[in-house]
Amino acid sequence: MLYYALLFLVVAVIAGILGFGGIAGASAQIAQVLFFIFLILLVISLVAGFIRRT
């Protein structure tokens, strides 16, 4: 999932450089959503790992 977030971020940067504002904004927002989903899943995984050890 982090891979896709970084991919959309790169697409947003390239689109922004080329002047495609709408595509850049949409790609940046998708990248942000994917990154936050990744962070939430990471925290859940870490908590589950700590609970499983005890």
PDB file of N, CA and C in Angstrom:
ATOM      1  N   MET A   1       0.824  -1.184   0.000  1.00  0.00           N
ATOM      2  CA  MET A   1       0.000   0.000   0.000  1.00  0.00           C
ATOM      3  C   MET A   1       0.875   1.258   0.000  1.00  0.00           C
ATOM      4  N   LEU A   2       1.986   1.185   0.708  1.00  0.00           N
ATOM      5  CA  LEU A   2       2.896   2.321   0.718  1.00  0.00           C
ATOM      6  C   LEU A   2       3.457   2.573  -0.675  1.00  0.00           C
ATOM      7  N   TYR A   3       3.642   1.492  -1.428  1.00  0.00           N
ATOM      8  CA  TYR A   3       4.119   1.619  -2.808  1.00  0.00           C
ATOM      9  C   TYR A   3       3.146   2.444  -3.650  1.00  0.00           C
ATOM     10  N   TYR A   4       1.859   2.164  -3.511  1.00  0.00           N
ATOM     11  CA  TYR A   4       0.862   2.902  -4.287  1.00  0.00           C
ATOM     12  C   TYR A   4       0.760   4.361  -3.847  1.00  0.00           C
ATOM     13  N   ALA A   5       0.933   4.607  -2.559  1.00  0.00           N
ATOM     14  CA  ALA A   5       0.920   5.982  -2.076  1.00  0.00           C
ATOM     15  C   ALA A   5       2.084   6.764  -2.677  1.00  0.00           C
ATOM     16  N   LEU A   6       3.259   6.150  -2.699  1.00  0.00           N
ATOM     17  CA  LEU A   6       4.421   6.817  -3.301  1.00  0.00           C
ATOM     18  C   LEU A   6       4.250   6.975  -4.811  1.00  0.00           C
ATOM     19  N   LEU A   7       3.636   5.996  -5.451  1.00  0.00           N
ATOM     20  CA  LEU A   7       3.391   6.087  -6.894  1.00  0.00           C
ATOM     21  C   LEU A   7       2.464   7.262  -7.218  1.00  0.00           C
ATOM     22  N   PHE A   8       1.384   7.405  -6.464  1.00  0.00           N
ATOM     23  CA  PHE A   8       0.473   8.524  -6.696  1.00  0.00           C
ATOM     24  C   PHE A   8       1.134   9.856  -6.371  1.00  0.00           C
ATOM     25  N   LEU A   9       2.016   9.861  -5.387  1.00  0.00           N
ATOM     26  CA  LEU A   9       2.750  11.082  -5.065  1.00  0.00           C
ATOM     27  C   LEU A   9       3.650  11.493  -6.216  1.00  0.00           C
ATOM     28  N   VAL A  10       4.333  10.539  -6.819  1.00  0.00           N
ATOM     29  CA  VAL A  10       5.192  10.836  -7.970  1.00  0.00           C
ATOM     30  C   VAL A  10       4.357  11.339  -9.145  1.00  0.00           C
ATOM     31  N   VAL A  11       3.213  10.712  -9.372  1.00  0.00           N
ATOM     32  CA  VAL A  11       2.322  11.157 -10.457  1.00  0.00           C
ATOM     33  C   VAL A  11       1.857  12.582 -10.190  1.00  0.00           C
ATOM     34  N   ALA A  12       1.545  12.893  -8.929  1.00  0.00           N
ATOM     35  CA  ALA A  12       1.094  14.246  -8.582  1.00  0.00           C
ATOM     36  C   ALA A  12       2.201  15.268  -8.816  1.00  0.00           C
ATOM     37  N   VAL A  13       3.427  14.929  -8.443  1.00  0.00           N
ATOM     38  CA  VAL A  13       4.542  15.857  -8.635  1.00  0.00           C
ATOM     39  C   VAL A  13       4.797  16.089 -10.116  1.00  0.00           C
ATOM     40  N   ILE A  14       4.807  15.033 -10.893  1.00  0.00           N
ATOM     41  CA  ILE A  14       5.049  15.171 -12.336  1.00  0.00           C
ATOM     42  C   ILE A  14       3.923  15.960 -12.996  1.00  0.00           C
ATOM     43  N   ALA A  15       2.681  15.673 -12.629  1.00  0.00           N
ATOM     44  CA  ALA A  15       1.549  16.410 -13.201  1.00  0.00           C
ATOM     45  C   ALA A  15       1.603  17.872 -12.785  1.00  0.00           C
ATOM     46  N   GLY A  16       2.019  18.135 -11.559  1.00  0.00           N
ATOM     47  CA  GLY A  16       2.146  19.524 -11.105  1.00  0.00           C
ATOM     48  C   GLY A  16       3.211  20.275 -11.871  1.00  0.00           C
ATOM     49  N   ILE A  17       4.332  19.620 -12.148  1.00  0.00           N
ATOM     50  CA  ILE A  17       5.408  20.249 -12.918  1.00  0.00           C
ATOM     51  C   ILE A  17       4.949  20.543 -14.341  1.00  0.00           C
ATOM     52  N   LEU A  18       4.177  19.639 -14.905  1.00  0.00           N
ATOM     53  CA  LEU A  18       3.708  19.818 -16.279  1.00  0.00           C
ATOM     54  C   LEU A  18       2.502  20.755 -16.380  1.00  0.00           C
ATOM     55  N   GLY A  19       1.939  21.158 -15.256  1.00  0.00           N
ATOM     56  CA  GLY A  19       0.858  22.134 -15.283  1.00  0.00           C
ATOM     57  C   GLY A  19      -0.539  21.556 -15.271  1.00  0.00           C
ATOM     58  N   PHE A  20      -0.675  20.290 -14.976  1.00  0.00           N
ATOM     59  CA  PHE A  20      -1.994  19.669 -14.897  1.00  0.00           C
ATOM     60  C   PHE A  20      -2.472  19.732 -13.446  1.00  0.00           C
ATOM     61  N   GLY A  21      -3.075  20.847 -13.079  1.00  0.00           N
ATOM     62  CA  GLY A  21      -3.438  21.089 -11.683  1.00  0.00           C
ATOM     63  C   GLY A  21      -4.483  20.145 -11.144  1.00  0.00           C
ATOM     64  N   GLY A  22      -5.497  19.842 -11.935  1.00  0.00           N
ATOM     65  CA  GLY A  22      -6.572  18.963 -11.465  1.00  0.00           C
ATOM     66  C   GLY A  22      -6.083  17.552 -11.211  1.00  0.00           C
ATOM     67  N   ILE A  23      -5.308  17.036 -12.125  1.00  0.00           N
ATOM     68  CA  ILE A  23      -4.768  15.687 -11.978  1.00  0.00           C
ATOM     69  C   ILE A  23      -3.783  15.641 -10.814  1.00  0.00           C
ATOM     70  N   ALA A  24      -2.975  16.680 -10.674  1.00  0.00           N
ATOM     71  CA  ALA A  24      -2.001  16.736  -9.580  1.00  0.00           C
ATOM     72  C   ALA A  24      -2.708  16.760  -8.225  1.00  0.00           C
ATOM     73  N   GLY A  25      -3.746  17.537  -8.119  1.00  0.00           N
ATOM     74  CA  GLY A  25      -4.488  17.610  -6.863  1.00  0.00           C
ATOM     75  C   GLY A  25      -5.160  16.298  -6.509  1.00  0.00           C
ATOM     76  N   ALA A  26      -5.776  15.677  -7.503  1.00  0.00           N
ATOM     77  CA  ALA A  26      -6.448  14.405  -7.262  1.00  0.00           C
ATOM     78  C   ALA A  26      -5.447  13.321  -6.882  1.00  0.00           C
ATOM     79  N   SER A  27      -4.330  13.273  -7.570  1.00  0.00           N
ATOM     80  CA  SER A  27      -3.312  12.268  -7.265  1.00  0.00           C
ATOM     81  C   SER A  27      -2.706  12.493  -5.887  1.00  0.00           C
ATOM     82  N   ALA A  28      -2.493  13.737  -5.523  1.00  0.00           N
ATOM     83  CA  ALA A  28      -1.943  14.034  -4.205  1.00  0.00           C
ATOM     84  C   ALA A  28      -2.932  13.628  -3.108  1.00  0.00           C
ATOM     85  N   GLN A  29      -4.201  13.858  -3.333  1.00  0.00           N
ATOM     86  CA  GLN A  29      -5.197  13.484  -2.337  1.00  0.00           C
ATOM     87  C   GLN A  29      -5.303  11.963  -2.212  1.00  0.00           C
ATOM     88  N   ILE A  30      -5.248  11.251  -3.323  1.00  0.00           N
ATOM     89  CA  ILE A  30      -5.277   9.793  -3.275  1.00  0.00           C
ATOM     90  C   ILE A  30      -4.049   9.275  -2.526  1.00  0.00           C
ATOM     91  N   ALA A  31      -2.884   9.866  -2.803  1.00  0.00           N
ATOM     92  CA  ALA A  31      -1.660   9.461  -2.114  1.00  0.00           C
ATOM     93  C   ALA A  31      -1.777   9.705  -0.615  1.00  0.00           C
ATOM     94  N   GLN A  32      -2.374  10.810  -0.230  1.00  0.00           N
ATOM     95  CA  GLN A  32      -2.533  11.126   1.187  1.00  0.00           C
ATOM     96  C   GLN A  32      -3.466  10.122   1.868  1.00  0.00           C
ATOM     97  N   VAL A  33      -4.561   9.792   1.235  1.00  0.00           N
ATOM     98  CA  VAL A  33      -5.505   8.829   1.803  1.00  0.00           C
ATOM     99  C   VAL A  33      -4.848   7.462   1.948  1.00  0.00           C
ATOM    100  N   LEU A  34      -4.135   7.017   0.914  1.00  0.00           N
ATOM    101  CA  LEU A  34      -3.470   5.722   0.975  1.00  0.00           C
ATOM    102  C   LEU A  34      -2.404   5.696   2.066  1.00  0.00           C
ATOM    103  N   PHE A  35      -1.686   6.807   2.236  1.00  0.00           N
ATOM    104  CA  PHE A  35      -0.660   6.859   3.264  1.00  0.00           C
ATOM    105  C   PHE A  35      -1.275   6.754   4.654  1.00  0.00           C
ATOM    106  N   PHE A  36      -2.396   7.435   4.890  1.00  0.00           N
ATOM    107  CA  PHE A  36      -3.035   7.361   6.197  1.00  0.00           C
ATOM    108  C   PHE A  36      -3.622   5.975   6.449  1.00  0.00           C
ATOM    109  N   ILE A  37      -4.151   5.332   5.417  1.00  0.00           N
ATOM    110  CA  ILE A  37      -4.629   3.959   5.577  1.00  0.00           C
ATOM    111  C   ILE A  37      -3.464   3.046   5.929  1.00  0.00           C
ATOM    112  N   PHE A  38      -2.310   3.261   5.264  1.00  0.00           N
ATOM    113  CA  PHE A  38      -1.124   2.484   5.584  1.00  0.00           C
ATOM    114  C   PHE A  38      -0.719   2.674   7.042  1.00  0.00           C
ATOM    115  N   LEU A  39      -0.724   3.921   7.524  1.00  0.00           N
ATOM    116  CA  LEU A  39      -0.346   4.188   8.910  1.00  0.00           C
ATOM    117  C   LEU A  39      -1.304   3.517   9.895  1.00  0.00           C
ATOM    118  N   ILE A  40      -2.592   3.569   9.615  1.00  0.00           N
ATOM    119  CA  ILE A  40      -3.583   2.943  10.491  1.00  0.00           C
ATOM    120  C   ILE A  40      -3.367   1.434  10.537  1.00  0.00           C
ATOM    121  N   LEU A  41      -3.146   0.813   9.380  1.00  0.00           N
ATOM    122  CA  LEU A  41      -2.910  -0.628   9.349  1.00  0.00           C
ATOM    123  C   LEU A  41      -1.606  -0.993  10.049  1.00  0.00           C
ATOM    124  N   LEU A  42      -0.596  -0.149   9.946  1.00  0.00           N
ATOM    125  CA  LEU A  42       0.667  -0.389  10.632  1.00  0.00           C
ATOM    126  C   LEU A  42       0.476  -0.367  12.140  1.00  0.00           C
ATOM    127  N   VAL A  43      -0.251   0.613  12.645  1.00  0.00           N
ATOM    128  CA  VAL A  43      -0.496   0.707  14.085  1.00  0.00           C
ATOM    129  C   VAL A  43      -1.301  -0.498  14.565  1.00  0.00           C
ATOM    130  N   ILE A  44      -2.309  -0.897  13.821  1.00  0.00           N
ATOM    131  CA  ILE A  44      -3.112  -2.063  14.193  1.00  0.00           C
ATOM    132  C   ILE A  44      -2.245  -3.322  14.224  1.00  0.00           C
ATOM    133  N   SER A  45      -1.380  -3.459  13.256  1.00  0.00           N
ATOM    134  CA  SER A  45      -0.495  -4.615  13.198  1.00  0.00           C
ATOM    135  C   SER A  45       0.480  -4.632  14.373  1.00  0.00           C
ATOM    136  N   LEU A  46       1.027  -3.477  14.725  1.00  0.00           N
ATOM    137  CA  LEU A  46       1.949  -3.413  15.857  1.00  0.00           C
ATOM    138  C   LEU A  46       1.248  -3.730  17.172  1.00  0.00           C
ATOM    139  N   VAL A  47       0.053  -3.197  17.358  1.00  0.00           N
ATOM    140  CA  VAL A  47      -0.704  -3.472  18.580  1.00  0.00           C
ATOM    141  C   VAL A  47      -1.061  -4.957  18.652  1.00  0.00           C
ATOM    142  N   ALA A  48      -1.476  -5.538  17.555  1.00  0.00           N
ATOM    143  CA  ALA A  48      -1.814  -6.965  17.544  1.00  0.00           C
ATOM    144  C   ALA A  48      -0.582  -7.810  17.839  1.00  0.00           C
ATOM    145  N   GLY A  49       0.574  -7.405  17.349  1.00  0.00           N
ATOM    146  CA  GLY A  49       1.809  -8.133  17.632  1.00  0.00           C
ATOM    147  C   GLY A  49       2.184  -8.063  19.096  1.00  0.00           C
ATOM    148  N   PHE A  50       2.014  -6.895  19.726  1.00  0.00           N
ATOM    149  CA  PHE A  50       2.312  -6.772  21.152  1.00  0.00           C
ATOM    150  C   PHE A  50       1.333  -7.572  21.999  1.00  0.00           C
ATOM    151  N   ILE A  51       0.075  -7.592  21.599  1.00  0.00           N
ATOM    152  CA  ILE A  51      -0.934  -8.362  22.348  1.00  0.00           C
ATOM    153  C   ILE A  51      -0.668  -9.858  22.212  1.00  0.00           C
ATOM    154  N   ARG A  52      -0.257 -10.293  21.040  1.00  0.00           N
ATOM    155  CA  ARG A  52      -0.020 -11.711  20.804  1.00  0.00           C
ATOM    156  C   ARG A  52       1.166 -12.222  21.620  1.00  0.00           C
ATOM    157  N   ARG A  53       2.168 -11.365  21.854  1.00  0.00           N
ATOM    158  CA  ARG A  53       3.352 -11.775  22.615  1.00  0.00           C
ATOM    159  C   ARG A  53       3.036 -12.008  24.092  1.00  0.00           C
ATOM    160  N   THR A  54       2.111 -11.241  24.616  1.00  0.00           N
ATOM    161  CA  THR A  54       1.837 -11.343  26.056  1.00  0.00           C
ATOM    162  C   THR A  54       0.816 -12.401  26.383  1.00  0.00           C
TER     163      THR A  54
END
